[in-house]
Amino acid sequence: MVFRILSMDFINNKTVMNELDCMESNLDIVREMKFPNNMPILQFISRDNC
């Protein structure tokens, strides 16, 4: 319960609101980006999203 109260207090801060405002443009920027071939990537796959 305390965590919920604290998280609700910080959710509307200026930085979080700015991130929400920029989310769509940020997603457009990174959507076509690829990881380098030499970078190890751990992927989690669930039955629900396949």
PDB file of N, CA and C in Angstrom:
ATOM      1  N   MET A   1       0.830  -1.191   0.000  1.00  0.00           N
ATOM      2  CA  MET A   1       0.000   0.000   0.000  1.00  0.00           C
ATOM      3  C   MET A   1       0.874   1.255   0.000  1.00  0.00           C
ATOM      4  N   VAL A   2       1.916   1.255   0.780  1.00  0.00           N
ATOM      5  CA  VAL A   2       2.801   2.416   0.843  1.00  0.00           C
ATOM      6  C   VAL A   2       3.462   2.656  -0.514  1.00  0.00           C
ATOM      7  N   PHE A   3       3.894   1.570  -1.167  1.00  0.00           N
ATOM      8  CA  PHE A   3       4.517   1.710  -2.481  1.00  0.00           C
ATOM      9  C   PHE A   3       3.541   2.335  -3.472  1.00  0.00           C
ATOM     10  N   ARG A   4       2.311   1.914  -3.432  1.00  0.00           N
ATOM     11  CA  ARG A   4       1.289   2.470  -4.334  1.00  0.00           C
ATOM     12  C   ARG A   4       1.103   3.965  -4.079  1.00  0.00           C
ATOM     13  N   ILE A   5       1.049   4.357  -2.852  1.00  0.00           N
ATOM     14  CA  ILE A   5       0.887   5.776  -2.523  1.00  0.00           C
ATOM     15  C   ILE A   5       2.093   6.571  -3.014  1.00  0.00           C
ATOM     16  N   LEU A   6       3.281   6.058  -2.768  1.00  0.00           N
ATOM     17  CA  LEU A   6       4.487   6.758  -3.223  1.00  0.00           C
ATOM     18  C   LEU A   6       4.561   6.825  -4.740  1.00  0.00           C
ATOM     19  N   SER A   7       4.225   5.746  -5.404  1.00  0.00           N
ATOM     20  CA  SER A   7       4.302   5.745  -6.861  1.00  0.00           C
ATOM     21  C   SER A   7       3.285   6.696  -7.470  1.00  0.00           C
ATOM     22  N   MET A   8       2.130   6.789  -6.894  1.00  0.00           N
ATOM     23  CA  MET A   8       1.119   7.717  -7.403  1.00  0.00           C
ATOM     24  C   MET A   8       1.567   9.165  -7.201  1.00  0.00           C
ATOM     25  N   ASP A   9       2.322   9.403  -6.169  1.00  0.00           N
ATOM     26  CA  ASP A   9       2.814  10.756  -5.896  1.00  0.00           C
ATOM     27  C   ASP A   9       3.832  11.184  -6.944  1.00  0.00           C
ATOM     28  N   PHE A  10       4.640  10.250  -7.444  1.00  0.00           N
ATOM     29  CA  PHE A  10       5.712  10.597  -8.370  1.00  0.00           C
ATOM     30  C   PHE A  10       5.330  10.421  -9.843  1.00  0.00           C
ATOM     31  N   ILE A  11       4.193   9.857 -10.110  1.00  0.00           N
ATOM     32  CA  ILE A  11       3.863   9.531 -11.498  1.00  0.00           C
ATOM     33  C   ILE A  11       3.597  10.767 -12.350  1.00  0.00           C
ATOM     34  N   ASN A  12       3.196  11.828 -11.758  1.00  0.00           N
ATOM     35  CA  ASN A  12       2.878  13.030 -12.522  1.00  0.00           C
ATOM     36  C   ASN A  12       3.973  14.092 -12.461  1.00  0.00           C
ATOM     37  N   ASN A  13       5.182  13.673 -12.216  1.00  0.00           N
ATOM     38  CA  ASN A  13       6.230  14.686 -12.178  1.00  0.00           C
ATOM     39  C   ASN A  13       6.560  15.161 -13.591  1.00  0.00           C
ATOM     40  N   LYS A  14       7.291  16.237 -13.692  1.00  0.00           N
ATOM     41  CA  LYS A  14       7.581  16.886 -14.968  1.00  0.00           C
ATOM     42  C   LYS A  14       8.299  15.956 -15.950  1.00  0.00           C
ATOM     43  N   THR A  15       9.244  15.182 -15.468  1.00  0.00           N
ATOM     44  CA  THR A  15      10.013  14.293 -16.328  1.00  0.00           C
ATOM     45  C   THR A  15       9.138  13.182 -16.902  1.00  0.00           C
ATOM     46  N   VAL A  16       8.322  12.579 -16.091  1.00  0.00           N
ATOM     47  CA  VAL A  16       7.440  11.511 -16.551  1.00  0.00           C
ATOM     48  C   VAL A  16       6.446  12.054 -17.572  1.00  0.00           C
ATOM     49  N   MET A  17       5.890  13.204 -17.305  1.00  0.00           N
ATOM     50  CA  MET A  17       4.933  13.797 -18.236  1.00  0.00           C
ATOM     51  C   MET A  17       5.602  14.143 -19.568  1.00  0.00           C
ATOM     52  N   ASN A  18       6.837  14.608 -19.515  1.00  0.00           N
ATOM     53  CA  ASN A  18       7.579  14.903 -20.742  1.00  0.00           C
ATOM     54  C   ASN A  18       7.819  13.623 -21.538  1.00  0.00           C
ATOM     55  N   GLU A  19       8.179  12.566 -20.862  1.00  0.00           N
ATOM     56  CA  GLU A  19       8.399  11.288 -21.537  1.00  0.00           C
ATOM     57  C   GLU A  19       7.115  10.798 -22.211  1.00  0.00           C
ATOM     58  N   LEU A  20       6.009  10.941 -21.550  1.00  0.00           N
ATOM     59  CA  LEU A  20       4.730  10.543 -22.144  1.00  0.00           C
ATOM     60  C   LEU A  20       4.405  11.396 -23.369  1.00  0.00           C
ATOM     61  N   ASP A  21       4.703  12.667 -23.301  1.00  0.00           N
ATOM     62  CA  ASP A  21       4.459  13.560 -24.446  1.00  0.00           C
ATOM     63  C   ASP A  21       5.321  13.184 -25.640  1.00  0.00           C
ATOM     64  N   CYS A  22       6.525  12.707 -25.382  1.00  0.00           N
ATOM     65  CA  CYS A  22       7.477  12.401 -26.451  1.00  0.00           C
ATOM     66  C   CYS A  22       7.439  10.937 -26.892  1.00  0.00           C
ATOM     67  N   MET A  23       6.623  10.136 -26.272  1.00  0.00           N
ATOM     68  CA  MET A  23       6.658   8.699 -26.499  1.00  0.00           C
ATOM     69  C   MET A  23       6.452   8.324 -27.967  1.00  0.00           C
ATOM     70  N   GLU A  24       5.476   8.896 -28.604  1.00  0.00           N
ATOM     71  CA  GLU A  24       5.192   8.516 -29.986  1.00  0.00           C
ATOM     72  C   GLU A  24       6.353   8.869 -30.919  1.00  0.00           C
ATOM     73  N   SER A  25       6.889  10.059 -30.774  1.00  0.00           N
ATOM     74  CA  SER A  25       8.021  10.437 -31.630  1.00  0.00           C
ATOM     75  C   SER A  25       9.260   9.599 -31.314  1.00  0.00           C
ATOM     76  N   ASN A  26       9.476   9.269 -30.051  1.00  0.00           N
ATOM     77  CA  ASN A  26      10.612   8.413 -29.692  1.00  0.00           C
ATOM     78  C   ASN A  26      10.447   7.014 -30.276  1.00  0.00           C
ATOM     79  N   LEU A  27       9.255   6.492 -30.257  1.00  0.00           N
ATOM     80  CA  LEU A  27       9.003   5.172 -30.837  1.00  0.00           C
ATOM     81  C   LEU A  27       9.218   5.187 -32.348  1.00  0.00           C
ATOM     82  N   ASP A  28       8.818   6.256 -33.000  1.00  0.00           N
ATOM     83  CA  ASP A  28       9.053   6.380 -34.441  1.00  0.00           C
ATOM     84  C   ASP A  28      10.546   6.372 -34.759  1.00  0.00           C
ATOM     85  N   ILE A  29      11.340   6.977 -33.910  1.00  0.00           N
ATOM     86  CA  ILE A  29      12.783   7.049 -34.119  1.00  0.00           C
ATOM     87  C   ILE A  29      13.424   5.669 -33.989  1.00  0.00           C
ATOM     88  N   VAL A  30      13.040   4.918 -32.972  1.00  0.00           N
ATOM     89  CA  VAL A  30      13.717   3.647 -32.696  1.00  0.00           C
ATOM     90  C   VAL A  30      13.079   2.439 -33.372  1.00  0.00           C
ATOM     91  N   ARG A  31      11.911   2.609 -33.944  1.00  0.00           N
ATOM     92  CA  ARG A  31      11.171   1.473 -34.515  1.00  0.00           C
ATOM     93  C   ARG A  31      12.001   0.696 -35.541  1.00  0.00           C
ATOM     94  N   GLU A  32      12.743   1.361 -36.372  1.00  0.00           N
ATOM     95  CA  GLU A  32      13.516   0.700 -37.429  1.00  0.00           C
ATOM     96  C   GLU A  32      14.958   0.384 -37.025  1.00  0.00           C
ATOM     97  N   MET A  33      15.325   0.702 -35.810  1.00  0.00           N
ATOM     98  CA  MET A  33      16.695   0.436 -35.364  1.00  0.00           C
ATOM     99  C   MET A  33      16.884  -1.061 -35.134  1.00  0.00           C
ATOM    100  N   LYS A  34      18.087  -1.524 -35.351  1.00  0.00           N
ATOM    101  CA  LYS A  34      18.439  -2.927 -35.131  1.00  0.00           C
ATOM    102  C   LYS A  34      19.589  -3.007 -34.143  1.00  0.00           C
ATOM    103  N   PHE A  35      19.643  -4.094 -33.418  1.00  0.00           N
ATOM    104  CA  PHE A  35      20.789  -4.333 -32.551  1.00  0.00           C
ATOM    105  C   PHE A  35      21.976  -4.748 -33.407  1.00  0.00           C
ATOM    106  N   PRO A  36      23.186  -4.368 -33.003  1.00  0.00           N
ATOM    107  CA  PRO A  36      24.366  -4.832 -33.746  1.00  0.00           C
ATOM    108  C   PRO A  36      24.455  -6.361 -33.694  1.00  0.00           C
ATOM    109  N   ASN A  37      25.004  -6.953 -34.752  1.00  0.00           N
ATOM    110  CA  ASN A  37      25.116  -8.412 -34.831  1.00  0.00           C
ATOM    111  C   ASN A  37      25.994  -9.013 -33.744  1.00  0.00           C
ATOM    112  N   ASN A  38      26.949  -8.246 -33.269  1.00  0.00           N
ATOM    113  CA  ASN A  38      27.867  -8.791 -32.259  1.00  0.00           C
ATOM    114  C   ASN A  38      27.396  -8.543 -30.818  1.00  0.00           C
ATOM    115  N   MET A  39      26.185  -8.067 -30.647  1.00  0.00           N
ATOM    116  CA  MET A  39      25.662  -7.810 -29.302  1.00  0.00           C
ATOM    117  C   MET A  39      24.762  -8.968 -28.887  1.00  0.00           C
ATOM    118  N   PRO A  40      25.078  -9.619 -27.767  1.00  0.00           N
ATOM    119  CA  PRO A  40      24.221 -10.712 -27.305  1.00  0.00           C
ATOM    120  C   PRO A  40      22.861 -10.166 -26.852  1.00  0.00           C
ATOM    121  N   ILE A  41      21.816 -10.800 -27.284  1.00  0.00           N
ATOM    122  CA  ILE A  41      20.463 -10.371 -26.948  1.00  0.00           C
ATOM    123  C   ILE A  41      19.730 -11.556 -26.338  1.00  0.00           C
ATOM    124  N   LEU A  42      19.120 -11.316 -25.213  1.00  0.00           N
ATOM    125  CA  LEU A  42      18.306 -12.338 -24.569  1.00  0.00           C
ATOM    126  C   LEU A  42      16.848 -11.989 -24.826  1.00  0.00           C
ATOM    127  N   GLN A  43      16.140 -12.862 -25.493  1.00  0.00           N
ATOM    128  CA  GLN A  43      14.741 -12.607 -25.821  1.00  0.00           C
ATOM    129  C   GLN A  43      13.849 -13.517 -25.005  1.00  0.00           C
ATOM    130  N   PHE A  44      12.798 -12.936 -24.479  1.00  0.00           N
ATOM    131  CA  PHE A  44      11.815 -13.704 -23.723  1.00  0.00           C
ATOM    132  C   PHE A  44      10.566 -13.827 -24.598  1.00  0.00           C
ATOM    133  N   ILE A  45      10.121 -15.041 -24.754  1.00  0.00           N
ATOM    134  CA  ILE A  45       8.937 -15.289 -25.575  1.00  0.00           C
ATOM    135  C   ILE A  45       7.932 -16.026 -24.710  1.00  0.00           C
ATOM    136  N   SER A  46       6.731 -15.538 -24.771  1.00  0.00           N
ATOM    137  CA  SER A  46       5.678 -16.215 -24.008  1.00  0.00           C
ATOM    138  C   SER A  46       4.658 -16.820 -24.969  1.00  0.00           C
ATOM    139  N   ARG A  47       3.957 -17.757 -24.494  1.00  0.00           N
ATOM    140  CA  ARG A  47       2.917 -18.393 -25.292  1.00  0.00           C
ATOM    141  C   ARG A  47       1.849 -17.371 -25.696  1.00  0.00           C
ATOM    142  N   ASP A  48       1.615 -16.371 -24.862  1.00  0.00           N
ATOM    143  CA  ASP A  48       0.550 -15.404 -25.106  1.00  0.00           C
ATOM    144  C   ASP A  48       0.860 -14.425 -26.239  1.00  0.00           C
ATOM    145  N   ASN A  49       2.125 -14.228 -26.562  1.00  0.00           N
ATOM    146  CA  ASN A  49       2.433 -13.239 -27.605  1.00  0.00           C
ATOM    147  C   ASN A  49       2.992 -13.866 -28.883  1.00  0.00           C
ATOM    148  N   CYS A  50       2.868 -15.171 -29.021  1.00  0.00           N
ATOM    149  CA  CYS A  50       3.360 -15.843 -30.243  1.00  0.00           C
ATOM    150  C   CYS A  50       2.206 -16.262 -31.117  1.00  0.00           C
TER     151      CYS A  50
END
